[in-house]
Each structure stands twice: as structure tokens, then as C-alpha cells.
Amino acid sequence: MELLDVVLLILVGAFWGCTNPLLRKGASDAGSIKEEAASTNDHSLLDTLQASAKKFINVRVWLPYAMNQFGSVLFYVALSRSDLTLAVPVCNALALVFSMATSFALGERVDRPLRAVAGSALVMTGVGICLHSREGSTSDGTKDAETRN
């Protein structure tokens, strides 16, 4: 596996993981706009359209979403360059780790921080094992000639 492949997998995990807490936070902000619109007694079509437009143009919703979709584009590039059985678990595991780190950085409450850190360490260990086990293998799953001797 080349360095570019590893970097692509890490970037996908980062884009997917870091945007999850941001999307959650943006959606909750958009939800407060919805409650604001619902609190008015006049529920005309214009009010409903205005409230929807405010949610749609909220940068806290569409920017993390666009970044998440860019991560998906990178994922397809990574899939074209690396093994599917490696790319999918690595990207998903890294997304979990990046999501936890971003949630922590945003100040979200973690019920059991020791478990979260231990889980992230185990995920990273698993990713490292996956990457290390694929280093000596070719694309057809056989070992290189030098490791067979």
C-alpha cells in the first residue's frame, strides 16, 4: 500500500468523522429556527417557506454536509486505488475516532471518557493491524516472494 493510499483513507475518516458533530450541532441550531417559526400563530405559506429557507441557507448545516460529501468523493478515489476489504473498515474506524475527538473539542459531554479513549485506542490498534497485515500482501492476497522465503 502506498503512502497516498494511506493518506486518502485518513482524509476520508477525517472528513466523515469531523463533520458528524458539526452536522449535529448545525441541525440543532436549525431546529431552534424551526421552533421559532412554529411559535408564531400565523402559519401562512410564506412563513413556512421563510423558515425552510433559513434552515437551508444555514452555513452550519450546508458547509459540514458539503465537507462530508467531499469525503465521500475521496472515498471513491480511495476505493479505486486500494482493497475494498481494507478501505471500508479503516475509513469507518477512523471516522469514529475523528468524530469522538471533534465532539470532545466542541465541548460535548462524554459520559464515560475513559471508555471512549480506550475504545479509540483499540480502534486505532485494529487499523494499524489491518494496515500492517496488508503491507506484505499483494492484491490477490498472496505473500510477496521475499516474505515466502
C-alpha atoms as a PDB file:
ATOM      1  CA  MET A   1       0.000   0.000   0.000  1.00  0.00           C
ATOM      2  CA  GLU A   2       1.365   3.369  -0.993  1.00  0.00           C
ATOM      3  CA  LEU A   3       1.592   6.425   1.219  1.00  0.00           C
ATOM      4  CA  LEU A   4      -1.015   8.192  -0.928  1.00  0.00           C
ATOM      5  CA  ASP A   5      -3.497   5.382  -0.250  1.00  0.00           C
ATOM      6  CA  VAL A   6      -2.967   5.690   3.498  1.00  0.00           C
ATOM      7  CA  VAL A   7      -3.340   9.477   3.339  1.00  0.00           C
ATOM      8  CA  LEU A   8      -6.580   9.127   1.344  1.00  0.00           C
ATOM      9  CA  LEU A   9      -8.031   6.698   3.906  1.00  0.00           C
ATOM     10  CA  ILE A  10      -7.094   9.018   6.774  1.00  0.00           C
ATOM     11  CA  LEU A  11      -8.594  12.026   4.977  1.00  0.00           C
ATOM     12  CA  VAL A  12     -11.840  10.163   4.347  1.00  0.00           C
ATOM     13  CA  GLY A  13     -12.052   9.220   8.019  1.00  0.00           C
ATOM     14  CA  ALA A  14     -11.312  12.815   8.996  1.00  0.00           C
ATOM     15  CA  PHE A  15     -13.893  14.346   6.650  1.00  0.00           C
ATOM     16  CA  TRP A  16     -16.580  11.870   7.681  1.00  0.00           C
ATOM     17  CA  GLY A  17     -15.786  11.898  11.385  1.00  0.00           C
ATOM     18  CA  CYS A  18     -15.197  15.592  11.927  1.00  0.00           C
ATOM     19  CA  THR A  19     -18.353  16.617  10.113  1.00  0.00           C
ATOM     20  CA  ASN A  20     -20.707  14.394  12.145  1.00  0.00           C
ATOM     21  CA  PRO A  21     -20.618  16.520  15.329  1.00  0.00           C
ATOM     22  CA  LEU A  22     -20.717  19.698  13.248  1.00  0.00           C
ATOM     23  CA  LEU A  23     -23.805  18.467  11.399  1.00  0.00           C
ATOM     24  CA  ARG A  24     -25.437  17.521  14.693  1.00  0.00           C
ATOM     25  CA  LYS A  25     -24.726  20.976  16.113  1.00  0.00           C
ATOM     26  CA  GLY A  26     -25.913  22.738  12.945  1.00  0.00           C
ATOM     27  CA  ALA A  27     -29.098  20.689  12.834  1.00  0.00           C
ATOM     28  CA  SER A  28     -29.891  21.564  16.436  1.00  0.00           C
ATOM     29  CA  ASP A  29     -29.399  25.249  15.576  1.00  0.00           C
ATOM     30  CA  ALA A  30     -31.695  24.820  12.580  1.00  0.00           C
ATOM     31  CA  GLY A  31     -34.198  23.108  14.881  1.00  0.00           C
ATOM     32  CA  SER A  32     -34.293  26.210  17.070  1.00  0.00           C
ATOM     33  CA  ILE A  33     -35.173  28.246  13.956  1.00  0.00           C
ATOM     34  CA  LYS A  34     -37.994  25.775  13.279  1.00  0.00           C
ATOM     35  CA  GLU A  35     -39.293  26.181  16.853  1.00  0.00           C
ATOM     36  CA  GLU A  36     -39.100  29.950  16.422  1.00  0.00           C
ATOM     37  CA  ALA A  37     -41.271  29.744  13.312  1.00  0.00           C
ATOM     38  CA  ALA A  38     -43.695  27.341  14.999  1.00  0.00           C
ATOM     39  CA  SER A  39     -44.168  29.701  17.946  1.00  0.00           C
ATOM     40  CA  THR A  40     -45.866  32.284  15.748  1.00  0.00           C
ATOM     41  CA  ASN A  41     -49.624  31.947  15.485  1.00  0.00           C
ATOM     42  CA  ASP A  42     -49.768  32.774  11.771  1.00  0.00           C
ATOM     43  CA  HIS A  43     -48.782  29.658   9.779  1.00  0.00           C
ATOM     44  CA  SER A  44     -49.001  31.077   6.297  1.00  0.00           C
ATOM     45  CA  LEU A  45     -47.220  29.538   3.351  1.00  0.00           C
ATOM     46  CA  LEU A  46     -44.814  32.467   3.237  1.00  0.00           C
ATOM     47  CA  ASP A  47     -43.790  31.947   6.876  1.00  0.00           C
ATOM     48  CA  THR A  48     -43.205  28.262   6.252  1.00  0.00           C
ATOM     49  CA  LEU A  49     -41.097  28.984   3.165  1.00  0.00           C
ATOM     50  CA  GLN A  50     -39.061  31.589   5.030  1.00  0.00           C
ATOM     51  CA  ALA A  51     -38.359  29.195   7.894  1.00  0.00           C
ATOM     52  CA  SER A  52     -37.322  26.476   5.450  1.00  0.00           C
ATOM     53  CA  ALA A  53     -35.057  28.861   3.565  1.00  0.00           C
ATOM     54  CA  LYS A  54     -33.370  29.923   6.810  1.00  0.00           C
ATOM     55  CA  LYS A  55     -32.598  26.298   7.618  1.00  0.00           C
ATOM     56  CA  PHE A  56     -31.396  25.575   4.107  1.00  0.00           C
ATOM     57  CA  ILE A  57     -29.012  28.530   3.905  1.00  0.00           C
ATOM     58  CA  ASN A  58     -27.647  27.986   7.409  1.00  0.00           C
ATOM     59  CA  VAL A  59     -23.892  27.680   6.909  1.00  0.00           C
ATOM     60  CA  ARG A  60     -23.693  25.423   9.970  1.00  0.00           C
ATOM     61  CA  VAL A  61     -25.742  22.845   8.078  1.00  0.00           C
ATOM     62  CA  TRP A  62     -24.637  23.004   4.457  1.00  0.00           C
ATOM     63  CA  LEU A  63     -20.886  23.509   4.980  1.00  0.00           C
ATOM     64  CA  PRO A  64     -20.360  20.360   7.097  1.00  0.00           C
ATOM     65  CA  TYR A  65     -22.638  18.499   4.704  1.00  0.00           C
ATOM     66  CA  ALA A  66     -20.561  19.619   1.707  1.00  0.00           C
ATOM     67  CA  MET A  67     -17.362  18.607   3.504  1.00  0.00           C
ATOM     68  CA  ASN A  68     -18.881  15.219   4.303  1.00  0.00           C
ATOM     69  CA  GLN A  69     -19.767  14.721   0.661  1.00  0.00           C
ATOM     70  CA  PHE A  70     -16.231  15.679  -0.354  1.00  0.00           C
ATOM     71  CA  GLY A  71     -15.082  12.902   1.972  1.00  0.00           C
ATOM     72  CA  SER A  72     -17.350  10.545   0.046  1.00  0.00           C
ATOM     73  CA  VAL A  73     -15.718  11.591  -3.222  1.00  0.00           C
ATOM     74  CA  LEU A  74     -12.315  10.897  -1.670  1.00  0.00           C
ATOM     75  CA  PHE A  75     -13.659   7.534  -0.524  1.00  0.00           C
ATOM     76  CA  TYR A  76     -14.443   6.541  -4.099  1.00  0.00           C
ATOM     77  CA  VAL A  77     -10.952   7.607  -5.151  1.00  0.00           C
ATOM     78  CA  ALA A  78      -9.510   5.541  -2.298  1.00  0.00           C
ATOM     79  CA  LEU A  79     -11.630   2.546  -3.318  1.00  0.00           C
ATOM     80  CA  SER A  80     -10.270   2.730  -6.842  1.00  0.00           C
ATOM     81  CA  ARG A  81      -6.717   2.637  -5.502  1.00  0.00           C
ATOM     82  CA  SER A  82      -6.899   0.221  -2.580  1.00  0.00           C
ATOM     83  CA  ASP A  83      -8.521  -3.002  -1.469  1.00  0.00           C
ATOM     84  CA  LEU A  84     -12.214  -2.802  -0.555  1.00  0.00           C
ATOM     85  CA  THR A  85     -11.788  -5.130   2.431  1.00  0.00           C
ATOM     86  CA  LEU A  86      -9.233  -2.737   3.862  1.00  0.00           C
ATOM     87  CA  ALA A  87     -10.623   0.660   2.843  1.00  0.00           C
ATOM     88  CA  VAL A  88     -14.113   0.275   4.295  1.00  0.00           C
ATOM     89  CA  PRO A  89     -13.200  -0.783   7.862  1.00  0.00           C
ATOM     90  CA  VAL A  90     -10.278   1.645   8.049  1.00  0.00           C
ATOM     91  CA  CYS A  91     -12.369   4.622   6.918  1.00  0.00           C
ATOM     92  CA  ASN A  92     -15.258   3.763   9.227  1.00  0.00           C
ATOM     93  CA  ALA A  93     -12.984   3.147  12.207  1.00  0.00           C
ATOM     94  CA  LEU A  94     -11.110   6.392  11.658  1.00  0.00           C
ATOM     95  CA  ALA A  95     -14.397   8.264  11.234  1.00  0.00           C
ATOM     96  CA  LEU A  96     -15.411   7.016  14.690  1.00  0.00           C
ATOM     97  CA  VAL A  97     -12.150   8.218  16.223  1.00  0.00           C
ATOM     98  CA  PHE A  98     -12.294  11.608  14.488  1.00  0.00           C
ATOM     99  CA  SER A  99     -15.946  12.005  15.482  1.00  0.00           C
ATOM    100  CA  MET A 100     -15.123  11.389  19.138  1.00  0.00           C
ATOM    101  CA  ALA A 101     -12.180  13.800  19.031  1.00  0.00           C
ATOM    102  CA  THR A 102     -14.236  16.511  17.346  1.00  0.00           C
ATOM    103  CA  SER A 103     -17.100  16.071  19.815  1.00  0.00           C
ATOM    104  CA  PHE A 104     -14.622  16.425  22.658  1.00  0.00           C
ATOM    105  CA  ALA A 105     -13.079  19.531  21.050  1.00  0.00           C
ATOM    106  CA  LEU A 106     -16.532  21.104  20.669  1.00  0.00           C
ATOM    107  CA  GLY A 107     -17.154  20.581  24.377  1.00  0.00           C
ATOM    108  CA  GLU A 108     -19.822  17.920  24.079  1.00  0.00           C
ATOM    109  CA  ARG A 109     -20.355  15.881  27.216  1.00  0.00           C
ATOM    110  CA  VAL A 110     -18.851  12.400  27.234  1.00  0.00           C
ATOM    111  CA  ASP A 111     -20.492  10.076  29.764  1.00  0.00           C
ATOM    112  CA  ARG A 112     -17.555   7.693  30.125  1.00  0.00           C
ATOM    113  CA  PRO A 113     -14.393   9.395  28.857  1.00  0.00           C
ATOM    114  CA  LEU A 114     -12.085   6.548  29.880  1.00  0.00           C
ATOM    115  CA  ARG A 115     -14.142   4.087  27.844  1.00  0.00           C
ATOM    116  CA  ALA A 116     -14.164   6.458  24.885  1.00  0.00           C
ATOM    117  CA  VAL A 117     -10.386   6.848  24.960  1.00  0.00           C
ATOM    118  CA  ALA A 118      -9.881   3.095  25.424  1.00  0.00           C
ATOM    119  CA  GLY A 119     -12.266   2.360  22.553  1.00  0.00           C
ATOM    120  CA  SER A 120     -10.483   4.831  20.297  1.00  0.00           C
ATOM    121  CA  ALA A 121      -7.123   3.274  21.192  1.00  0.00           C
ATOM    122  CA  LEU A 122      -8.468  -0.177  20.346  1.00  0.00           C
ATOM    123  CA  VAL A 123      -9.865   1.093  17.043  1.00  0.00           C
ATOM    124  CA  MET A 124      -6.522   2.659  16.153  1.00  0.00           C
ATOM    125  CA  THR A 125      -4.741  -0.576  17.093  1.00  0.00           C
ATOM    126  CA  GLY A 126      -7.083  -2.506  14.811  1.00  0.00           C
ATOM    127  CA  VAL A 127      -6.492  -0.064  11.970  1.00  0.00           C
ATOM    128  CA  GLY A 128      -2.746  -0.408  12.467  1.00  0.00           C
ATOM    129  CA  ILE A 129      -3.013  -4.202  12.394  1.00  0.00           C
ATOM    130  CA  CYS A 130      -5.075  -4.058   9.193  1.00  0.00           C
ATOM    131  CA  LEU A 131      -2.576  -1.756   7.516  1.00  0.00           C
ATOM    132  CA  HIS A 132       0.409  -3.789   8.693  1.00  0.00           C
ATOM    133  CA  SER A 133      -1.100  -7.095   7.592  1.00  0.00           C
ATOM    134  CA  ARG A 134      -1.765  -5.708   4.103  1.00  0.00           C
ATOM    135  CA  GLU A 135       1.781  -4.350   3.665  1.00  0.00           C
ATOM    136  CA  GLY A 136       3.298  -7.747   2.851  1.00  0.00           C
ATOM    137  CA  SER A 137       0.394  -8.902   0.689  1.00  0.00           C
ATOM    138  CA  THR A 138      -0.270  -8.362  -2.996  1.00  0.00           C
ATOM    139  CA  SER A 139      -3.657  -7.538  -4.452  1.00  0.00           C
ATOM    140  CA  ASP A 140      -4.532 -11.237  -4.900  1.00  0.00           C
ATOM    141  CA  GLY A 141      -3.918 -11.937  -1.214  1.00  0.00           C
ATOM    142  CA  THR A 142      -0.679 -13.905  -1.615  1.00  0.00           C
ATOM    143  CA  LYS A 143       2.502 -13.029   0.182  1.00  0.00           C
ATOM    144  CA  ASP A 144       5.358 -11.352  -1.687  1.00  0.00           C
ATOM    145  CA  ALA A 145       8.180 -13.588  -2.922  1.00  0.00           C
ATOM    146  CA  GLU A 146      10.647 -12.244  -0.361  1.00  0.00           C
ATOM    147  CA  THR A 147       8.360 -12.999   2.611  1.00  0.00           C
ATOM    148  CA  ARG A 148       7.773 -16.585   1.434  1.00  0.00           C
ATOM    149  CA  ASN A 149      11.477 -17.480   1.645  1.00  0.00           C
END
